Amino acid sequence: MSRVEDDNQVATPISEENWTGRSGVRLTLRAARGADQAGLRMFVDSLSRESRYFRFLTGGRVTDEIVQGFVSHRKARDVALVVTYREADGAETIVANAEYVVNEEDVAELAVVVADAWQGQGLGRRLIQRLQQLAGSGQLRGMRGDVLSENRRMLAIMRDCGFSARRNPEDSFLHEVSLTLAEARASAREHRMPRDWFAAH
């Protein structure tokens, strides 16, 4: 597995990650770029009705505004990732997408979706773990997301990645998953001035 530094939209550099998938195909995880909008449109349109419903809470067509949002995040704040592979003719195809948007409480609200044919190969888990790494490096307080209660596979993955899950009290069809980022708290403690610092200087 190799990593190559790449331009991206967040303060913490997002390096490309390359590996060979279970099917023998060479895969790349990288930051989403403005040039990916057409590829993301094709990716979203290729999702099954169930996958679109699990991710976007609609089985119909996902609006262009939502797709455009994947590549127009706030610089140095939000994160959008894709997993791609190259076709025989060299064209790059997106097979998974993940993002988080930081709310006013410095909590990353995340979402992940994987193409139907690529589910069950660890892509969702890899993307969630990368988002965790980036959120921790960004000193965020935590992460959260909403998962449909019937999406048991995603709930299981989130729990395996350290998230807690509870039924949303305002919507019985949703589970809220959340994670407190201990790294952010520990770093804040390390950089806190001792109480007697001003007296000693």
C-alpha atoms as a PDB file:
ATOM      1  CA  MET A   1       0.000   0.000   0.000  1.00  0.00           C
ATOM      2  CA  SER A   2       1.387   3.413  -0.961  1.00  0.00           C
ATOM      3  CA  ARG A   3       0.405   6.978  -0.145  1.00  0.00           C
ATOM      4  CA  VAL A   4       1.060  10.007  -2.344  1.00  0.00           C
ATOM      5  CA  GLU A   5       0.450  13.570  -1.132  1.00  0.00           C
ATOM      6  CA  ASP A   6      -2.310  15.385  -3.043  1.00  0.00           C
ATOM      7  CA  ASP A   7      -3.920  18.819  -3.076  1.00  0.00           C
ATOM      8  CA  ASN A   8      -7.189  18.840  -1.123  1.00  0.00           C
ATOM      9  CA  GLN A   9      -9.731  21.051   0.595  1.00  0.00           C
ATOM     10  CA  VAL A  10      -8.828  20.594   4.266  1.00  0.00           C
ATOM     11  CA  ALA A  11      -6.046  21.937   6.445  1.00  0.00           C
ATOM     12  CA  THR A  12      -4.719  18.456   7.215  1.00  0.00           C
ATOM     13  CA  PRO A  13      -3.269  17.032   3.973  1.00  0.00           C
ATOM     14  CA  ILE A  14      -5.260  14.122   2.562  1.00  0.00           C
ATOM     15  CA  SER A  15      -2.869  11.626   1.026  1.00  0.00           C
ATOM     16  CA  GLU A  16      -3.890   9.231  -1.705  1.00  0.00           C
ATOM     17  CA  GLU A  17      -4.102   5.634  -0.577  1.00  0.00           C
ATOM     18  CA  ASN A  18      -3.651   2.857  -3.129  1.00  0.00           C
ATOM     19  CA  TRP A  19      -4.286  -0.845  -2.585  1.00  0.00           C
ATOM     20  CA  THR A  20      -5.452  -3.970  -4.378  1.00  0.00           C
ATOM     21  CA  GLY A  21      -9.049  -4.879  -3.585  1.00  0.00           C
ATOM     22  CA  ARG A  22     -10.384  -8.341  -2.892  1.00  0.00           C
ATOM     23  CA  SER A  23     -11.365  -8.689  -6.545  1.00  0.00           C
ATOM     24  CA  GLY A  24      -7.783  -7.948  -7.638  1.00  0.00           C
ATOM     25  CA  VAL A  25      -8.628  -4.450  -8.887  1.00  0.00           C
ATOM     26  CA  ARG A  26      -6.301  -1.571  -8.001  1.00  0.00           C
ATOM     27  CA  LEU A  27      -8.204   1.007  -5.913  1.00  0.00           C
ATOM     28  CA  THR A  28      -7.444   4.581  -4.870  1.00  0.00           C
ATOM     29  CA  LEU A  29      -8.865   6.549  -1.945  1.00  0.00           C
ATOM     30  CA  ARG A  30      -8.403  10.300  -2.348  1.00  0.00           C
ATOM     31  CA  ALA A  31      -9.978  13.693  -1.741  1.00  0.00           C
ATOM     32  CA  ALA A  32     -12.902  14.563  -3.996  1.00  0.00           C
ATOM     33  CA  ARG A  33     -12.096  17.251  -6.566  1.00  0.00           C
ATOM     34  CA  GLY A  34     -14.128  19.739  -8.524  1.00  0.00           C
ATOM     35  CA  ALA A  35     -13.495  17.701 -11.661  1.00  0.00           C
ATOM     36  CA  ASP A  36     -15.250  14.734 -10.034  1.00  0.00           C
ATOM     37  CA  GLN A  37     -18.729  16.226 -10.288  1.00  0.00           C
ATOM     38  CA  ALA A  38     -19.663  14.366 -13.499  1.00  0.00           C
ATOM     39  CA  GLY A  39     -18.220  11.109 -12.147  1.00  0.00           C
ATOM     40  CA  LEU A  40     -20.138  11.536  -8.892  1.00  0.00           C
ATOM     41  CA  ARG A  41     -23.325  12.150 -10.851  1.00  0.00           C
ATOM     42  CA  MET A  42     -22.797   8.861 -12.698  1.00  0.00           C
ATOM     43  CA  PHE A  43     -21.935   7.092  -9.443  1.00  0.00           C
ATOM     44  CA  VAL A  44     -25.084   8.279  -7.674  1.00  0.00           C
ATOM     45  CA  ASP A  45     -27.286   7.480 -10.668  1.00  0.00           C
ATOM     46  CA  SER A  46     -25.862   3.942 -10.786  1.00  0.00           C
ATOM     47  CA  LEU A  47     -26.884   3.177  -7.185  1.00  0.00           C
ATOM     48  CA  SER A  48     -29.783   0.829  -6.661  1.00  0.00           C
ATOM     49  CA  ARG A  49     -33.038   2.240  -5.339  1.00  0.00           C
ATOM     50  CA  GLU A  50     -32.279   0.694  -1.939  1.00  0.00           C
ATOM     51  CA  SER A  51     -28.766   2.169  -1.756  1.00  0.00           C
ATOM     52  CA  ARG A  52     -30.049   5.616  -2.726  1.00  0.00           C
ATOM     53  CA  TYR A  53     -32.734   5.334  -0.082  1.00  0.00           C
ATOM     54  CA  PHE A  54     -30.269   4.277   2.616  1.00  0.00           C
ATOM     55  CA  ARG A  55     -27.931   7.175   1.813  1.00  0.00           C
ATOM     56  CA  PHE A  56     -30.215   9.995   0.666  1.00  0.00           C
ATOM     57  CA  LEU A  57     -33.573   8.928   2.168  1.00  0.00           C
ATOM     58  CA  THR A  58     -35.078   8.880  -1.309  1.00  0.00           C
ATOM     59  CA  GLY A  59     -35.316   6.138  -3.900  1.00  0.00           C
ATOM     60  CA  GLY A  60     -35.740   8.682  -6.678  1.00  0.00           C
ATOM     61  CA  ARG A  61     -33.267  10.872  -8.499  1.00  0.00           C
ATOM     62  CA  VAL A  62     -30.817  12.721  -6.302  1.00  0.00           C
ATOM     63  CA  THR A  63     -30.748  16.436  -7.115  1.00  0.00           C
ATOM     64  CA  ASP A  64     -27.824  18.086  -8.863  1.00  0.00           C
ATOM     65  CA  GLU A  65     -27.446  20.431  -5.882  1.00  0.00           C
ATOM     66  CA  ILE A  66     -26.717  17.496  -3.565  1.00  0.00           C
ATOM     67  CA  VAL A  67     -24.161  16.024  -5.974  1.00  0.00           C
ATOM     68  CA  GLN A  68     -22.500  19.416  -6.420  1.00  0.00           C
ATOM     69  CA  GLY A  69     -22.237  19.657  -2.632  1.00  0.00           C
ATOM     70  CA  PHE A  70     -19.804  16.725  -2.655  1.00  0.00           C
ATOM     71  CA  VAL A  71     -17.176  18.887  -4.353  1.00  0.00           C
ATOM     72  CA  SER A  72     -17.961  22.328  -2.917  1.00  0.00           C
ATOM     73  CA  HIS A  73     -17.193  21.916   0.779  1.00  0.00           C
ATOM     74  CA  ARG A  74     -15.757  24.684   2.935  1.00  0.00           C
ATOM     75  CA  LYS A  75     -11.998  24.760   2.550  1.00  0.00           C
ATOM     76  CA  ALA A  76     -10.013  23.709   5.625  1.00  0.00           C
ATOM     77  CA  ARG A  77     -13.218  22.594   7.357  1.00  0.00           C
ATOM     78  CA  ASP A  78     -15.280  19.893   5.675  1.00  0.00           C
ATOM     79  CA  VAL A  79     -14.063  16.708   3.956  1.00  0.00           C
ATOM     80  CA  ALA A  80     -15.188  14.739   0.916  1.00  0.00           C
ATOM     81  CA  LEU A  81     -13.522  11.493  -0.202  1.00  0.00           C
ATOM     82  CA  VAL A  82     -13.920   9.076  -3.095  1.00  0.00           C
ATOM     83  CA  VAL A  83     -12.701   5.581  -3.891  1.00  0.00           C
ATOM     84  CA  THR A  84     -11.920   5.014  -7.557  1.00  0.00           C
ATOM     85  CA  TYR A  85     -10.487   2.480  -9.987  1.00  0.00           C
ATOM     86  CA  ARG A  86      -9.357   2.782 -13.578  1.00  0.00           C
ATOM     87  CA  GLU A  87     -11.082   1.076 -16.469  1.00  0.00           C
ATOM     88  CA  ALA A  88      -9.090  -0.700 -19.180  1.00  0.00           C
ATOM     89  CA  ASP A  89      -9.135   2.504 -21.268  1.00  0.00           C
ATOM     90  CA  GLY A  90      -7.708   4.513 -18.348  1.00  0.00           C
ATOM     91  CA  ALA A  91     -10.961   6.229 -17.396  1.00  0.00           C
ATOM     92  CA  GLU A  92     -11.404   6.682 -13.648  1.00  0.00           C
ATOM     93  CA  THR A  93     -14.639   5.357 -12.109  1.00  0.00           C
ATOM     94  CA  ILE A  94     -15.941   6.286  -8.658  1.00  0.00           C
ATOM     95  CA  VAL A  95     -17.192   3.348  -6.598  1.00  0.00           C
ATOM     96  CA  ALA A  96     -17.597   4.923  -3.150  1.00  0.00           C
ATOM     97  CA  ASN A  97     -18.024   8.339  -1.571  1.00  0.00           C
ATOM     98  CA  ALA A  98     -17.826   9.654   1.979  1.00  0.00           C
ATOM     99  CA  GLU A  99     -17.999  13.084   3.530  1.00  0.00           C
ATOM    100  CA  TYR A 100     -18.356  15.009   6.708  1.00  0.00           C
ATOM    101  CA  VAL A 101     -19.614  18.524   7.299  1.00  0.00           C
ATOM    102  CA  VAL A 102     -18.610  20.257  10.523  1.00  0.00           C
ATOM    103  CA  ASN A 103     -21.508  21.789  12.443  1.00  0.00           C
ATOM    104  CA  GLU A 104     -21.495  24.765  14.820  1.00  0.00           C
ATOM    105  CA  GLU A 105     -20.556  22.510  17.741  1.00  0.00           C
ATOM    106  CA  ASP A 106     -17.356  21.322  16.027  1.00  0.00           C
ATOM    107  CA  VAL A 107     -18.871  17.898  15.409  1.00  0.00           C
ATOM    108  CA  ALA A 108     -18.396  16.198  12.049  1.00  0.00           C
ATOM    109  CA  GLU A 109     -21.666  14.987  10.525  1.00  0.00           C
ATOM    110  CA  LEU A 110     -20.733  12.096   8.261  1.00  0.00           C
ATOM    111  CA  ALA A 111     -22.272  10.007   5.519  1.00  0.00           C
ATOM    112  CA  VAL A 112     -20.934   7.116   3.404  1.00  0.00           C
ATOM    113  CA  VAL A 113     -22.199   5.244   0.357  1.00  0.00           C
ATOM    114  CA  VAL A 114     -20.660   2.398  -1.657  1.00  0.00           C
ATOM    115  CA  ALA A 115     -21.700   1.195  -5.120  1.00  0.00           C
ATOM    116  CA  ASP A 116     -23.823  -1.948  -4.919  1.00  0.00           C
ATOM    117  CA  ALA A 117     -21.340  -4.151  -6.777  1.00  0.00           C
ATOM    118  CA  TRP A 118     -18.556  -3.068  -4.391  1.00  0.00           C
ATOM    119  CA  GLN A 119     -20.360  -3.539  -1.097  1.00  0.00           C
ATOM    120  CA  GLY A 120     -18.992  -6.113   1.338  1.00  0.00           C
ATOM    121  CA  GLN A 121     -15.359  -5.443   0.340  1.00  0.00           C
ATOM    122  CA  GLY A 122     -14.372  -3.156   3.210  1.00  0.00           C
ATOM    123  CA  LEU A 123     -14.651   0.163   1.358  1.00  0.00           C
ATOM    124  CA  GLY A 124     -17.177   1.670   3.749  1.00  0.00           C
ATOM    125  CA  ARG A 125     -15.090   0.735   6.771  1.00  0.00           C
ATOM    126  CA  ARG A 126     -11.922   2.157   5.180  1.00  0.00           C
ATOM    127  CA  LEU A 127     -13.669   5.441   4.390  1.00  0.00           C
ATOM    128  CA  ILE A 128     -15.126   5.779   7.886  1.00  0.00           C
ATOM    129  CA  GLN A 129     -11.739   5.139   9.456  1.00  0.00           C
ATOM    130  CA  ARG A 130     -10.125   7.772   7.227  1.00  0.00           C
ATOM    131  CA  LEU A 131     -12.818  10.282   8.194  1.00  0.00           C
ATOM    132  CA  GLN A 132     -12.133   9.464  11.855  1.00  0.00           C
ATOM    133  CA  GLN A 133      -8.423  10.106  11.327  1.00  0.00           C
ATOM    134  CA  LEU A 134      -9.044  13.446   9.627  1.00  0.00           C
ATOM    135  CA  ALA A 135     -11.590  14.588  12.198  1.00  0.00           C
ATOM    136  CA  GLY A 136      -9.174  13.732  15.001  1.00  0.00           C
ATOM    137  CA  SER A 137      -6.351  15.604  13.292  1.00  0.00           C
ATOM    138  CA  GLY A 138      -8.700  18.560  12.878  1.00  0.00           C
ATOM    139  CA  GLN A 139      -9.266  18.702  16.655  1.00  0.00           C
ATOM    140  CA  LEU A 140     -12.999  18.170  16.271  1.00  0.00           C
ATOM    141  CA  ARG A 141     -15.048  17.273  19.342  1.00  0.00           C
ATOM    142  CA  GLY A 142     -16.774  14.281  17.809  1.00  0.00           C
ATOM    143  CA  MET A 143     -18.602  12.692  14.904  1.00  0.00           C
ATOM    144  CA  ARG A 144     -22.231  11.813  14.324  1.00  0.00           C
ATOM    145  CA  GLY A 145     -24.552  10.561  11.635  1.00  0.00           C
ATOM    146  CA  ASP A 146     -28.053   9.291  10.965  1.00  0.00           C
ATOM    147  CA  VAL A 147     -28.511   5.729   9.707  1.00  0.00           C
ATOM    148  CA  LEU A 148     -31.800   4.145   8.735  1.00  0.00           C
ATOM    149  CA  SER A 149     -32.706   1.552  11.334  1.00  0.00           C
ATOM    150  CA  GLU A 150     -33.163  -1.088   8.638  1.00  0.00           C
ATOM    151  CA  ASN A 151     -29.617  -0.525   7.328  1.00  0.00           C
ATOM    152  CA  ARG A 152     -28.164  -3.129   9.661  1.00  0.00           C
ATOM    153  CA  ARG A 153     -24.946  -3.595   7.712  1.00  0.00           C
ATOM    154  CA  MET A 154     -23.993   0.064   8.108  1.00  0.00           C
ATOM    155  CA  LEU A 155     -24.969   0.089  11.779  1.00  0.00           C
ATOM    156  CA  ALA A 156     -22.720  -2.931  12.358  1.00  0.00           C
ATOM    157  CA  ILE A 157     -19.812  -1.248  10.556  1.00  0.00           C
ATOM    158  CA  MET A 158     -20.239   1.943  12.562  1.00  0.00           C
ATOM    159  CA  ARG A 159     -20.231  -0.006  15.829  1.00  0.00           C
ATOM    160  CA  ASP A 160     -17.093  -1.883  14.731  1.00  0.00           C
ATOM    161  CA  CYS A 161     -15.456   1.513  14.107  1.00  0.00           C
ATOM    162  CA  GLY A 162     -16.160   2.586  17.691  1.00  0.00           C
ATOM    163  CA  PHE A 163     -19.409   4.500  17.249  1.00  0.00           C
ATOM    164  CA  SER A 164     -22.296   4.135  19.664  1.00  0.00           C
ATOM    165  CA  ALA A 165     -25.784   3.818  18.196  1.00  0.00           C
ATOM    166  CA  ARG A 166     -29.175   4.692  19.607  1.00  0.00           C
ATOM    167  CA  ARG A 167     -32.628   5.032  18.138  1.00  0.00           C
ATOM    168  CA  ASN A 168     -33.399   8.635  17.236  1.00  0.00           C
ATOM    169  CA  PRO A 169     -36.032   9.806  19.769  1.00  0.00           C
ATOM    170  CA  GLU A 170     -37.558  12.097  17.148  1.00  0.00           C
ATOM    171  CA  ASP A 171     -37.700   9.530  14.326  1.00  0.00           C
ATOM    172  CA  SER A 172     -38.091   5.816  15.008  1.00  0.00           C
ATOM    173  CA  PHE A 173     -36.911   5.002  11.475  1.00  0.00           C
ATOM    174  CA  LEU A 174     -33.441   6.401  12.210  1.00  0.00           C
ATOM    175  CA  HIS A 175     -30.538   5.481  14.471  1.00  0.00           C
ATOM    176  CA  GLU A 176     -28.098   8.165  15.552  1.00  0.00           C
ATOM    177  CA  VAL A 177     -24.469   7.042  15.570  1.00  0.00           C
ATOM    178  CA  SER A 178     -21.918   9.094  17.476  1.00  0.00           C
ATOM    179  CA  LEU A 179     -18.301   9.076  18.526  1.00  0.00           C
ATOM    180  CA  THR A 180     -16.385  11.284  20.960  1.00  0.00           C
ATOM    181  CA  LEU A 181     -12.903  12.005  19.671  1.00  0.00           C
ATOM    182  CA  ALA A 182     -10.556  11.288  22.571  1.00  0.00           C
ATOM    183  CA  GLU A 183      -7.555  12.482  20.568  1.00  0.00           C
ATOM    184  CA  ALA A 184      -8.991  15.982  20.399  1.00  0.00           C
ATOM    185  CA  ARG A 185      -9.569  16.069  24.147  1.00  0.00           C
ATOM    186  CA  ALA A 186      -6.112  14.682  24.924  1.00  0.00           C
ATOM    187  CA  SER A 187      -4.431  17.187  22.626  1.00  0.00           C
ATOM    188  CA  ALA A 188      -6.341  20.043  24.224  1.00  0.00           C
ATOM    189  CA  ARG A 189      -5.126  18.922  27.654  1.00  0.00           C
ATOM    190  CA  GLU A 190      -1.532  18.689  26.431  1.00  0.00           C
ATOM    191  CA  HIS A 191      -1.606  22.255  25.123  1.00  0.00           C
ATOM    192  CA  ARG A 192      -3.375  23.758  28.128  1.00  0.00           C
ATOM    193  CA  MET A 193      -1.243  26.157  30.174  1.00  0.00           C
ATOM    194  CA  PRO A 194      -0.598  25.065  33.771  1.00  0.00           C
ATOM    195  CA  ARG A 195      -2.400  27.127  36.378  1.00  0.00           C
ATOM    196  CA  ASP A 196       0.835  28.591  37.755  1.00  0.00           C
ATOM    197  CA  TRP A 197       2.303  29.365  34.317  1.00  0.00           C
ATOM    198  CA  PHE A 198       1.605  33.109  34.477  1.00  0.00           C
ATOM    199  CA  ALA A 199       2.936  33.360  38.027  1.00  0.00           C
ATOM    200  CA  ALA A 200       6.177  31.683  36.979  1.00  0.00           C
ATOM    201  CA  HIS A 201       6.772  33.858  33.862  1.00  0.00           C
END
